[in-house]
N, C-alpha and C. Protein backbone atom coordinates (compact mmCIF):
# COMPACT_ATOMS: atom_id res chain seq x y z
N MET A 1 4.33 -15.31 16.48
CA MET A 1 3.18 -15.31 15.69
C MET A 1 2.97 -13.93 15.20
N SER A 2 2.85 -13.80 13.90
CA SER A 2 2.57 -12.44 13.26
C SER A 2 1.16 -12.04 13.63
N PRO A 3 1.01 -10.58 13.68
CA PRO A 3 -0.28 -9.88 13.85
C PRO A 3 -1.07 -10.02 12.74
N VAL A 4 -2.27 -9.73 13.01
CA VAL A 4 -3.35 -9.52 12.05
C VAL A 4 -3.36 -8.16 11.47
N TYR A 5 -3.36 -8.01 10.10
CA TYR A 5 -3.27 -6.57 9.52
C TYR A 5 -4.69 -6.28 8.98
N ALA A 6 -5.41 -5.48 9.69
CA ALA A 6 -6.91 -5.09 9.53
C ALA A 6 -6.97 -3.74 8.59
N CYS A 7 -7.38 -3.84 7.22
CA CYS A 7 -7.28 -2.64 6.36
C CYS A 7 -8.62 -1.98 6.44
N ASP A 8 -8.56 -0.55 6.56
CA ASP A 8 -9.91 0.20 6.36
C ASP A 8 -10.03 0.24 4.88
N GLN A 9 -11.21 0.26 4.48
CA GLN A 9 -11.74 0.49 3.15
C GLN A 9 -11.08 1.65 2.54
N SER A 10 -10.91 2.79 3.27
CA SER A 10 -10.33 3.82 2.52
C SER A 10 -8.83 3.74 2.10
N ALA A 11 -8.12 2.97 2.98
CA ALA A 11 -6.75 2.68 2.69
C ALA A 11 -6.68 1.88 1.44
N ILE A 12 -7.36 0.80 1.26
CA ILE A 12 -7.44 -0.11 0.25
C ILE A 12 -7.97 0.52 -1.10
N LEU A 13 -8.84 1.53 -0.96
CA LEU A 13 -9.44 2.19 -2.17
C LEU A 13 -8.27 3.19 -2.68
N LYS A 14 -7.45 3.70 -1.77
CA LYS A 14 -6.39 4.69 -2.38
C LYS A 14 -5.40 3.90 -3.03
N ILE A 15 -5.06 2.88 -2.52
CA ILE A 15 -4.01 2.01 -3.31
C ILE A 15 -4.61 1.66 -4.72
N LEU A 16 -5.91 1.08 -4.70
CA LEU A 16 -6.47 0.71 -5.90
C LEU A 16 -6.61 1.95 -6.93
N LEU A 17 -6.95 3.21 -6.40
CA LEU A 17 -7.12 4.26 -7.24
C LEU A 17 -5.65 4.77 -7.60
N HIS A 18 -4.65 4.79 -6.83
CA HIS A 18 -3.27 5.05 -7.20
C HIS A 18 -2.82 4.25 -8.48
N SER A 19 -3.15 2.98 -8.40
CA SER A 19 -2.87 2.08 -9.45
C SER A 19 -3.60 2.21 -10.84
N ALA A 20 -4.87 2.62 -10.60
CA ALA A 20 -5.77 2.94 -11.73
C ALA A 20 -5.41 4.22 -12.43
N LYS A 21 -4.77 5.13 -11.63
CA LYS A 21 -4.40 6.44 -12.32
C LYS A 21 -3.20 6.27 -13.12
N TYR A 22 -2.40 5.25 -12.92
CA TYR A 22 -1.08 5.13 -13.60
C TYR A 22 -1.05 3.58 -13.87
N PRO A 23 -2.00 3.10 -14.80
CA PRO A 23 -1.98 1.67 -15.12
C PRO A 23 -0.91 1.15 -15.72
N ALA A 24 0.24 2.07 -16.42
CA ALA A 24 1.24 1.55 -17.14
C ALA A 24 2.63 1.84 -16.33
N ALA A 25 2.42 2.14 -15.00
CA ALA A 25 3.60 2.37 -14.29
C ALA A 25 3.44 1.52 -12.91
N SER A 26 4.59 1.33 -12.36
CA SER A 26 4.68 0.83 -11.01
C SER A 26 4.25 2.00 -10.11
N VAL A 27 3.60 1.68 -9.03
CA VAL A 27 3.40 2.81 -7.92
C VAL A 27 3.68 2.18 -6.55
N ASN A 28 3.85 3.24 -5.61
CA ASN A 28 4.13 2.91 -4.28
C ASN A 28 3.62 3.87 -3.31
N GLY A 29 3.66 3.43 -2.01
CA GLY A 29 3.30 4.27 -1.00
C GLY A 29 3.38 3.62 0.19
N VAL A 30 3.12 4.44 1.33
CA VAL A 30 3.24 3.80 2.65
C VAL A 30 1.97 3.77 3.30
N LEU A 31 1.95 2.81 4.40
CA LEU A 31 0.67 2.60 4.97
C LEU A 31 0.84 3.19 6.43
N LEU A 32 -0.22 3.85 6.85
CA LEU A 32 -0.31 4.46 8.27
C LEU A 32 -1.33 3.69 9.14
N GLY A 33 -1.08 3.51 10.24
CA GLY A 33 -2.05 2.96 11.29
C GLY A 33 -1.54 2.96 12.53
N ARG A 34 -2.21 2.01 13.29
CA ARG A 34 -1.97 1.91 14.68
C ARG A 34 -1.58 0.41 15.10
N VAL A 35 -0.73 0.25 15.94
CA VAL A 35 -0.47 -1.14 16.40
C VAL A 35 -1.09 -1.11 17.78
N LYS A 36 -1.83 -2.22 17.93
CA LYS A 36 -2.40 -2.39 19.40
C LYS A 36 -1.12 -2.84 20.31
N SER A 37 -1.36 -2.50 21.61
CA SER A 37 -0.30 -2.48 22.53
C SER A 37 0.12 -3.95 22.65
N ASP A 38 -0.62 -4.98 22.44
CA ASP A 38 -0.12 -6.45 22.46
C ASP A 38 0.37 -6.96 21.21
N LYS A 39 0.50 -6.02 20.13
CA LYS A 39 1.08 -6.18 18.83
C LYS A 39 0.54 -7.56 18.25
N LYS A 40 -0.77 -7.65 18.46
CA LYS A 40 -1.48 -8.71 17.81
C LYS A 40 -2.18 -8.23 16.63
N THR A 41 -2.59 -7.04 16.63
CA THR A 41 -3.38 -6.36 15.59
C THR A 41 -2.62 -5.08 15.12
N VAL A 42 -2.62 -4.88 13.83
CA VAL A 42 -2.17 -3.64 13.19
C VAL A 42 -3.44 -2.94 12.32
N GLU A 43 -3.79 -2.04 12.74
CA GLU A 43 -5.00 -1.44 11.97
C GLU A 43 -4.38 -0.46 10.87
N ILE A 44 -4.51 -0.65 9.63
CA ILE A 44 -4.04 0.13 8.58
C ILE A 44 -5.20 1.00 8.19
N VAL A 45 -5.05 2.56 8.50
CA VAL A 45 -6.21 3.36 8.36
C VAL A 45 -5.98 4.30 7.16
N ASP A 46 -4.90 4.31 6.63
CA ASP A 46 -4.63 5.14 5.57
C ASP A 46 -3.57 4.73 4.50
N ALA A 47 -3.50 5.05 3.55
CA ALA A 47 -2.43 4.80 2.51
C ALA A 47 -2.10 6.15 1.83
N ILE A 48 -0.69 6.44 1.88
CA ILE A 48 -0.25 7.65 1.31
C ILE A 48 0.55 7.44 0.03
N PRO A 49 -0.03 7.76 -1.08
CA PRO A 49 0.66 7.54 -2.33
C PRO A 49 1.95 8.37 -2.52
N LEU A 50 3.10 7.76 -2.91
CA LEU A 50 4.26 8.33 -3.07
C LEU A 50 4.69 8.55 -4.49
N LEU A 51 4.98 7.53 -5.23
CA LEU A 51 5.67 7.60 -6.50
C LEU A 51 5.01 6.81 -7.55
N HIS A 52 5.19 7.12 -8.78
CA HIS A 52 4.81 6.48 -9.90
C HIS A 52 5.75 6.36 -11.03
N SER A 53 6.82 6.97 -10.85
CA SER A 53 7.97 6.97 -11.80
C SER A 53 9.25 6.93 -11.01
N PHE A 54 10.30 6.12 -11.35
CA PHE A 54 11.57 6.13 -10.69
C PHE A 54 11.38 5.73 -9.31
N LEU A 55 10.88 4.67 -9.00
CA LEU A 55 10.44 4.33 -7.61
C LEU A 55 11.67 4.10 -6.66
N SER A 56 12.68 3.98 -7.26
CA SER A 56 13.81 4.03 -6.35
C SER A 56 14.81 4.99 -6.25
N LEU A 57 14.09 6.22 -6.84
CA LEU A 57 15.10 7.52 -6.82
C LEU A 57 15.06 7.77 -5.33
N ALA A 58 16.34 7.83 -4.82
CA ALA A 58 16.45 7.72 -3.47
C ALA A 58 16.27 9.40 -2.87
N PRO A 59 16.60 10.41 -3.43
CA PRO A 59 16.17 11.73 -2.90
C PRO A 59 14.79 12.02 -2.69
N ALA A 60 14.03 11.69 -3.76
CA ALA A 60 12.53 11.97 -3.75
C ALA A 60 12.00 10.90 -2.89
N LEU A 61 12.39 9.73 -2.68
CA LEU A 61 11.70 8.91 -1.76
C LEU A 61 12.12 9.09 -0.33
N GLU A 62 13.35 9.43 -0.04
CA GLU A 62 13.70 9.83 1.27
C GLU A 62 13.07 11.08 1.74
N THR A 63 12.80 12.14 0.93
CA THR A 63 12.07 13.35 1.20
C THR A 63 10.60 12.97 1.55
N ALA A 64 10.04 12.16 0.65
CA ALA A 64 8.63 11.76 0.89
C ALA A 64 8.49 10.97 2.33
N LEU A 65 9.39 10.16 2.58
CA LEU A 65 9.28 9.46 3.76
C LEU A 65 9.44 10.18 4.99
N VAL A 66 10.35 11.31 5.00
CA VAL A 66 10.43 12.16 6.16
C VAL A 66 9.22 12.94 6.14
N GLN A 67 8.54 13.55 5.09
CA GLN A 67 7.23 14.24 5.27
C GLN A 67 6.13 13.33 5.72
N VAL A 68 6.08 12.11 5.29
CA VAL A 68 4.87 11.29 5.69
C VAL A 68 5.20 10.95 7.27
N SER A 69 6.37 10.79 7.70
CA SER A 69 6.59 10.41 9.17
C SER A 69 6.26 11.60 9.86
N SER A 70 6.51 12.96 9.44
CA SER A 70 6.23 13.97 10.13
C SER A 70 4.74 14.12 10.27
N TYR A 71 3.96 13.79 9.13
CA TYR A 71 2.45 13.99 9.16
C TYR A 71 1.92 12.97 9.95
N ALA A 72 2.47 11.77 9.94
CA ALA A 72 1.95 10.60 10.87
C ALA A 72 1.98 11.17 12.43
N LYS A 73 3.08 11.70 12.79
CA LYS A 73 3.35 12.18 14.13
C LYS A 73 2.36 13.14 14.59
N GLN A 74 1.94 14.17 13.54
CA GLN A 74 0.98 15.05 13.91
C GLN A 74 -0.42 14.51 14.00
N GLN A 75 -0.68 13.35 13.58
CA GLN A 75 -2.12 12.80 13.81
C GLN A 75 -2.24 12.14 14.99
N GLN A 76 -3.24 11.62 15.32
CA GLN A 76 -3.63 10.99 16.76
C GLN A 76 -3.09 9.44 16.47
N ASP A 77 -2.07 9.21 17.07
CA ASP A 77 -1.71 7.82 17.35
C ASP A 77 -1.21 7.09 16.01
N LEU A 78 -0.83 7.90 14.99
CA LEU A 78 -0.65 7.09 13.72
C LEU A 78 0.80 6.77 13.64
N GLU A 79 1.24 5.79 12.99
CA GLU A 79 2.64 5.55 12.64
C GLU A 79 2.82 4.83 11.26
N LEU A 80 3.85 4.77 10.74
CA LEU A 80 4.09 3.98 9.43
C LEU A 80 4.27 2.56 9.74
N VAL A 81 3.26 1.92 9.25
CA VAL A 81 3.09 0.43 9.60
C VAL A 81 3.28 -0.41 8.26
N GLY A 82 3.58 0.26 7.11
CA GLY A 82 3.93 -0.80 5.96
C GLY A 82 3.98 0.10 4.78
N TYR A 83 4.26 -0.65 3.63
CA TYR A 83 4.60 -0.08 2.37
C TYR A 83 3.70 -0.92 1.44
N TYR A 84 3.23 -0.24 0.40
CA TYR A 84 2.42 -0.81 -0.69
C TYR A 84 3.05 -0.62 -1.94
N HIS A 85 2.80 -1.67 -2.93
CA HIS A 85 3.55 -1.48 -4.22
C HIS A 85 2.67 -2.22 -5.16
N ALA A 86 2.65 -1.57 -6.47
CA ALA A 86 2.06 -2.33 -7.58
C ALA A 86 2.87 -2.27 -8.62
N ASN A 87 3.22 -3.44 -9.36
CA ASN A 87 4.03 -3.43 -10.31
C ASN A 87 3.40 -3.00 -11.79
N GLU A 88 4.30 -2.46 -12.65
CA GLU A 88 3.73 -1.85 -14.01
C GLU A 88 3.24 -2.99 -14.89
N ARG A 89 3.85 -4.14 -14.86
CA ARG A 89 3.40 -5.26 -15.85
C ARG A 89 2.14 -5.97 -15.04
N PHE A 90 1.09 -6.17 -15.87
CA PHE A 90 -0.16 -6.89 -15.38
C PHE A 90 0.10 -8.09 -14.66
N ASN A 91 0.94 -9.03 -15.27
CA ASN A 91 1.16 -10.34 -14.74
C ASN A 91 2.37 -10.56 -13.82
N ASP A 92 2.82 -9.35 -13.38
CA ASP A 92 3.92 -9.41 -12.47
C ASP A 92 3.69 -9.31 -11.03
N SER A 93 3.82 -10.43 -10.29
CA SER A 93 3.41 -10.44 -9.08
C SER A 93 4.72 -10.76 -8.16
N ASP A 94 5.84 -10.25 -8.62
CA ASP A 94 7.11 -10.34 -7.90
C ASP A 94 7.57 -9.08 -7.06
N LEU A 95 7.98 -9.28 -5.87
CA LEU A 95 8.29 -8.13 -4.91
C LEU A 95 9.92 -7.65 -5.36
N GLY A 96 10.08 -6.82 -6.09
CA GLY A 96 11.46 -6.46 -6.50
C GLY A 96 12.30 -5.90 -5.39
N THR A 97 13.54 -5.72 -5.76
CA THR A 97 14.62 -5.55 -4.80
C THR A 97 14.17 -3.97 -4.32
N PRO A 98 14.08 -2.90 -5.08
CA PRO A 98 13.70 -1.76 -4.64
C PRO A 98 12.51 -1.67 -3.61
N ALA A 99 11.43 -2.54 -3.85
CA ALA A 99 10.34 -2.49 -2.96
C ALA A 99 10.82 -3.02 -1.57
N ARG A 100 11.63 -4.02 -1.68
CA ARG A 100 12.12 -4.70 -0.41
C ARG A 100 13.02 -3.72 0.36
N LYS A 101 13.74 -2.92 -0.34
CA LYS A 101 14.58 -1.94 0.22
C LYS A 101 13.89 -1.00 1.03
N VAL A 102 12.90 -0.19 0.47
CA VAL A 102 12.00 0.63 1.07
C VAL A 102 11.29 0.09 2.20
N ALA A 103 10.76 -1.07 2.20
CA ALA A 103 10.18 -1.72 3.17
C ALA A 103 11.23 -2.10 4.41
N ASP A 104 12.39 -2.35 3.94
CA ASP A 104 13.36 -2.57 4.89
C ASP A 104 13.59 -1.38 5.98
N LYS A 105 13.54 -0.26 5.10
CA LYS A 105 13.71 1.11 5.88
C LYS A 105 12.66 1.43 7.03
N LEU A 106 11.34 0.92 6.53
CA LEU A 106 10.14 1.13 7.37
C LEU A 106 10.39 0.03 8.69
N TYR A 107 10.74 -1.21 8.30
CA TYR A 107 10.80 -2.16 9.19
C TYR A 107 11.95 -1.86 10.24
N SER A 108 13.03 -1.28 9.83
CA SER A 108 13.95 -0.72 10.65
C SER A 108 13.35 0.25 11.92
N ASN A 109 12.32 0.87 11.70
CA ASN A 109 11.67 1.68 12.63
C ASN A 109 10.54 1.13 13.27
N ASN A 110 9.96 -0.07 12.80
CA ASN A 110 8.70 -0.59 13.28
C ASN A 110 8.58 -2.15 12.86
N ASP A 111 8.84 -2.99 13.91
CA ASP A 111 9.14 -4.28 13.63
C ASP A 111 7.89 -5.16 13.17
N VAL A 112 6.82 -4.54 13.15
CA VAL A 112 5.63 -5.16 12.63
C VAL A 112 4.97 -4.59 11.35
N ALA A 113 6.07 -3.81 10.61
CA ALA A 113 5.71 -3.19 9.32
C ALA A 113 5.64 -4.45 8.37
N CYS A 114 4.60 -4.13 7.31
CA CYS A 114 4.37 -5.13 6.33
C CYS A 114 4.43 -4.46 4.96
N ILE A 115 4.33 -5.43 3.90
CA ILE A 115 4.21 -5.04 2.47
C ILE A 115 2.79 -5.54 2.01
N LEU A 116 2.09 -4.62 1.17
CA LEU A 116 1.08 -5.02 0.59
C LEU A 116 1.49 -5.03 -1.05
N LEU A 117 1.31 -6.08 -1.72
CA LEU A 117 1.65 -6.13 -3.03
C LEU A 117 0.44 -6.26 -3.70
N LEU A 118 0.03 -5.37 -4.58
CA LEU A 118 -1.34 -5.53 -5.39
C LEU A 118 -1.12 -6.45 -6.48
N ASP A 119 -1.89 -7.52 -6.65
CA ASP A 119 -1.71 -8.55 -7.79
C ASP A 119 -2.75 -8.10 -8.77
N SER A 120 -2.25 -7.46 -9.64
CA SER A 120 -3.29 -6.98 -10.81
C SER A 120 -4.02 -7.92 -11.42
N SER A 121 -3.41 -9.16 -11.78
CA SER A 121 -4.15 -10.17 -12.40
C SER A 121 -5.42 -10.78 -11.63
N ARG A 122 -5.19 -10.97 -10.31
CA ARG A 122 -6.36 -11.33 -9.45
C ARG A 122 -7.42 -10.13 -9.21
N LEU A 123 -6.93 -8.87 -9.33
CA LEU A 123 -7.84 -7.69 -9.31
C LEU A 123 -8.73 -7.97 -10.50
N GLN A 124 -8.10 -8.09 -11.67
CA GLN A 124 -8.84 -8.11 -12.82
C GLN A 124 -10.01 -9.30 -12.88
N SER A 125 -9.40 -10.36 -12.30
CA SER A 125 -10.26 -11.60 -12.23
C SER A 125 -11.61 -11.30 -11.35
N SER A 126 -11.18 -10.60 -10.33
CA SER A 126 -12.39 -10.43 -9.17
C SER A 126 -13.31 -9.27 -9.98
N LEU A 127 -12.71 -8.41 -10.73
CA LEU A 127 -13.66 -7.37 -11.17
C LEU A 127 -14.49 -7.95 -12.36
N GLN A 128 -13.79 -8.83 -13.19
CA GLN A 128 -14.55 -9.42 -14.31
C GLN A 128 -15.72 -10.40 -13.76
N LYS A 129 -15.49 -11.02 -12.80
CA LYS A 129 -16.55 -11.93 -12.20
C LYS A 129 -17.38 -11.19 -11.21
N ASN A 130 -17.10 -10.07 -10.94
CA ASN A 130 -17.95 -9.21 -9.99
C ASN A 130 -18.11 -9.89 -8.72
N ALA A 131 -16.82 -10.35 -8.24
CA ALA A 131 -16.94 -11.22 -7.03
C ALA A 131 -15.94 -10.87 -6.23
N ALA A 132 -15.99 -11.11 -4.84
CA ALA A 132 -14.86 -10.67 -3.92
C ALA A 132 -13.77 -11.85 -4.25
N GLY A 133 -12.60 -11.31 -3.94
CA GLY A 133 -11.47 -12.12 -3.98
C GLY A 133 -10.22 -11.45 -3.29
N GLU A 134 -9.09 -12.18 -3.02
CA GLU A 134 -8.08 -11.76 -2.51
C GLU A 134 -7.19 -11.14 -3.61
N PHE A 135 -6.93 -9.90 -3.73
CA PHE A 135 -6.00 -9.28 -4.80
C PHE A 135 -4.93 -8.60 -4.24
N PHE A 136 -4.56 -9.03 -2.96
CA PHE A 136 -3.24 -8.23 -2.19
C PHE A 136 -2.58 -9.52 -1.66
N GLN A 137 -1.28 -9.42 -1.87
CA GLN A 137 -0.30 -10.32 -1.17
C GLN A 137 0.30 -9.67 -0.07
N LEU A 138 0.35 -10.27 1.13
CA LEU A 138 0.89 -9.71 2.33
C LEU A 138 2.29 -10.44 2.57
N TYR A 139 3.20 -9.56 2.78
CA TYR A 139 4.68 -9.84 2.97
C TYR A 139 4.95 -9.51 4.34
N LEU A 140 5.67 -10.43 5.03
CA LEU A 140 5.96 -10.10 6.53
C LEU A 140 7.57 -10.47 6.52
N LYS A 141 8.23 -10.03 7.40
CA LYS A 141 9.65 -10.38 7.70
C LYS A 141 9.76 -11.89 8.39
N ASP A 142 10.73 -12.58 7.99
CA ASP A 142 10.68 -13.95 8.63
C ASP A 142 11.31 -13.87 10.11
N GLU A 143 11.18 -14.96 10.73
CA GLU A 143 11.40 -14.97 12.15
C GLU A 143 12.86 -14.37 12.49
N GLY A 144 13.74 -14.38 11.57
CA GLY A 144 15.14 -13.63 11.87
C GLY A 144 15.06 -12.23 11.57
N GLY A 145 14.11 -11.81 10.80
CA GLY A 145 14.06 -10.43 10.44
C GLY A 145 14.95 -10.03 9.21
N ARG A 146 15.26 -11.06 8.41
CA ARG A 146 16.18 -10.93 7.37
C ARG A 146 15.51 -10.85 5.95
N ASN A 147 14.45 -11.62 5.77
CA ASN A 147 13.91 -11.72 4.46
C ASN A 147 12.33 -11.43 4.65
N TRP A 148 11.92 -10.77 3.42
CA TRP A 148 10.41 -10.67 3.23
C TRP A 148 9.92 -12.02 2.72
N VAL A 149 8.89 -12.52 3.32
CA VAL A 149 8.30 -13.71 3.03
C VAL A 149 6.70 -13.62 2.69
N LYS A 150 6.22 -14.03 1.66
CA LYS A 150 4.90 -13.91 1.30
C LYS A 150 3.95 -14.76 2.29
N SER A 151 3.06 -14.22 2.92
CA SER A 151 2.13 -14.82 3.79
C SER A 151 1.10 -15.69 2.84
N PRO A 152 0.89 -17.06 3.41
CA PRO A 152 -0.15 -17.70 2.63
C PRO A 152 -1.48 -17.05 2.42
N THR A 153 -1.92 -17.13 1.06
CA THR A 153 -3.20 -16.42 0.84
C THR A 153 -4.33 -16.90 1.61
N ASP A 154 -4.36 -18.15 2.08
CA ASP A 154 -5.52 -18.60 2.80
C ASP A 154 -5.38 -18.22 4.26
N SER A 155 -4.27 -17.66 4.81
CA SER A 155 -4.02 -17.21 6.15
C SER A 155 -5.12 -16.13 6.54
N SER A 156 -5.26 -15.96 7.85
CA SER A 156 -6.14 -14.83 8.25
C SER A 156 -5.35 -13.67 8.75
N SER A 157 -4.16 -13.43 8.20
CA SER A 157 -3.20 -12.32 8.61
C SER A 157 -3.69 -11.17 7.94
N LEU A 158 -4.38 -11.16 6.93
CA LEU A 158 -4.79 -9.81 6.27
C LEU A 158 -6.32 -9.83 6.18
N LYS A 159 -6.85 -8.77 6.51
CA LYS A 159 -8.27 -8.74 6.48
C LYS A 159 -8.83 -7.48 6.06
N TYR A 160 -9.71 -7.53 4.99
CA TYR A 160 -10.24 -6.33 4.37
C TYR A 160 -11.65 -6.90 3.50
N ASP A 161 -12.48 -6.08 3.47
CA ASP A 161 -13.72 -6.55 2.87
C ASP A 161 -13.57 -6.39 1.21
N SER A 162 -13.08 -7.25 0.54
CA SER A 162 -12.80 -7.15 -0.89
C SER A 162 -14.08 -7.05 -1.71
N GLY A 163 -15.10 -7.45 -1.40
CA GLY A 163 -16.37 -7.34 -2.06
C GLY A 163 -17.06 -5.93 -2.12
N SER A 164 -17.14 -5.32 -0.89
CA SER A 164 -17.55 -3.94 -0.95
C SER A 164 -16.58 -2.85 -1.40
N VAL A 165 -15.22 -3.26 -1.29
CA VAL A 165 -14.26 -2.32 -1.91
C VAL A 165 -14.37 -2.34 -3.41
N LEU A 166 -14.59 -3.48 -4.04
CA LEU A 166 -14.65 -3.62 -5.62
C LEU A 166 -15.91 -2.66 -6.08
N SER A 167 -16.98 -2.73 -5.39
CA SER A 167 -18.15 -2.09 -5.92
C SER A 167 -17.83 -0.49 -5.80
N VAL A 168 -17.37 -0.14 -4.59
CA VAL A 168 -17.05 1.30 -4.36
C VAL A 168 -15.83 1.85 -5.41
N PHE A 169 -14.88 0.98 -5.64
CA PHE A 169 -13.65 1.31 -6.51
C PHE A 169 -14.39 1.40 -7.86
N LEU A 170 -15.28 0.48 -8.31
CA LEU A 170 -15.86 0.70 -9.66
C LEU A 170 -16.53 2.12 -9.80
N GLN A 171 -17.31 2.15 -8.88
CA GLN A 171 -18.01 3.50 -8.89
C GLN A 171 -17.13 4.76 -8.85
N MET A 172 -16.12 4.73 -8.10
CA MET A 172 -15.10 5.85 -8.01
C MET A 172 -14.28 6.05 -9.40
N CYS A 173 -14.10 4.91 -10.06
CA CYS A 173 -13.42 5.01 -11.39
C CYS A 173 -14.33 5.69 -12.37
N THR A 174 -15.56 5.09 -12.35
CA THR A 174 -16.66 5.60 -13.37
C THR A 174 -16.75 7.00 -13.12
N GLU A 175 -16.70 7.55 -11.88
CA GLU A 175 -16.86 8.99 -11.74
C GLU A 175 -15.52 9.83 -11.97
N GLY A 176 -14.54 9.09 -12.22
CA GLY A 176 -13.27 9.68 -12.59
C GLY A 176 -12.31 10.04 -11.37
N ARG A 177 -12.73 9.75 -10.16
CA ARG A 177 -12.05 10.01 -8.97
C ARG A 177 -10.75 9.71 -8.97
N HIS A 178 -10.22 8.52 -9.76
CA HIS A 178 -8.77 8.12 -9.74
C HIS A 178 -7.97 9.24 -10.35
N THR A 179 -8.57 10.08 -11.30
CA THR A 179 -7.72 11.16 -11.86
C THR A 179 -7.41 12.19 -11.03
N LYS A 180 -8.14 12.20 -9.89
CA LYS A 180 -7.81 13.39 -8.91
C LYS A 180 -6.98 13.06 -7.85
N LEU A 181 -6.54 11.82 -7.73
CA LEU A 181 -5.53 11.48 -6.79
C LEU A 181 -4.29 12.08 -7.15
N SER A 182 -3.39 12.56 -6.14
CA SER A 182 -2.15 12.91 -6.35
C SER A 182 -1.11 12.32 -5.45
N ASP A 183 -0.03 11.82 -6.07
CA ASP A 183 0.87 11.25 -5.12
C ASP A 183 2.06 12.32 -5.06
N PHE A 184 3.10 11.86 -4.45
CA PHE A 184 4.24 12.80 -4.11
C PHE A 184 4.96 13.10 -5.43
N ASP A 185 4.90 12.21 -6.44
CA ASP A 185 5.50 12.67 -7.75
C ASP A 185 4.70 13.85 -8.46
N ASP A 186 3.52 13.80 -8.50
CA ASP A 186 2.55 14.86 -8.73
C ASP A 186 2.84 16.10 -8.15
N HIS A 187 3.05 16.11 -6.85
CA HIS A 187 3.42 17.16 -5.98
C HIS A 187 4.74 17.87 -6.40
N LEU A 188 5.77 16.99 -6.69
CA LEU A 188 6.99 17.57 -7.03
C LEU A 188 6.92 18.12 -8.44
N ASN A 189 6.07 17.73 -9.36
CA ASN A 189 5.87 18.34 -10.62
C ASN A 189 5.09 19.75 -10.60
N ASP A 190 4.13 19.81 -9.46
CA ASP A 190 3.41 20.97 -9.31
C ASP A 190 2.96 21.07 -7.79
N LEU A 191 3.57 22.05 -7.21
CA LEU A 191 3.68 22.13 -5.71
C LEU A 191 2.25 22.54 -5.29
N SER A 192 1.27 23.09 -6.19
CA SER A 192 0.00 23.45 -5.80
C SER A 192 -0.92 21.97 -5.59
N ARG A 193 -0.42 20.92 -6.12
CA ARG A 193 -1.02 19.67 -5.88
C ARG A 193 -0.76 18.81 -4.60
N LEU A 194 -1.61 18.85 -3.67
CA LEU A 194 -1.20 18.19 -2.45
C LEU A 194 -1.47 16.73 -2.62
N VAL A 195 -0.51 15.97 -1.78
CA VAL A 195 -0.68 14.39 -1.82
C VAL A 195 -2.05 14.16 -1.15
N THR A 196 -2.96 13.41 -1.87
CA THR A 196 -4.19 13.03 -1.34
C THR A 196 -4.35 11.44 -1.27
């Protein structure tokens, strides 16, 4: 049985803000959290934005993963528990090969690692209706650990408060806070910009 992935609002907001800052680009990042000792619950407490261009550029990605891993070890009991991805095309809800490969790397170090794929069309629908809705797709490894499989949207494997997240997200975008977010790509272009 797969664990329950409980996402803090701040982690979800960072993913949404990363996507909002680069609406015409694919974005990705890693998820930091804690795995309960019984492995029944994974708490996702932070999202670290990595790239918004050339997502499969190996040197930049490898460097970013090493630095995030080092950062996680310095924090209290945090580890890399997953990967997030948002596609550049609005109606694209496919998890491409580069995303799967990055997630495979994380899974090789943590057998409860997951993938969160932002479904932009569902997010837009929730925003237009001003109503809570599921706008992330959870992917987990199959029982053999070979393939990434989408978890049913009606499952209770992914928990986050989409209603309160949406209102805070809209407020943050109105304030322009998404423009202040920096990912690893931004840091490589200007070393004075720290990943936030």
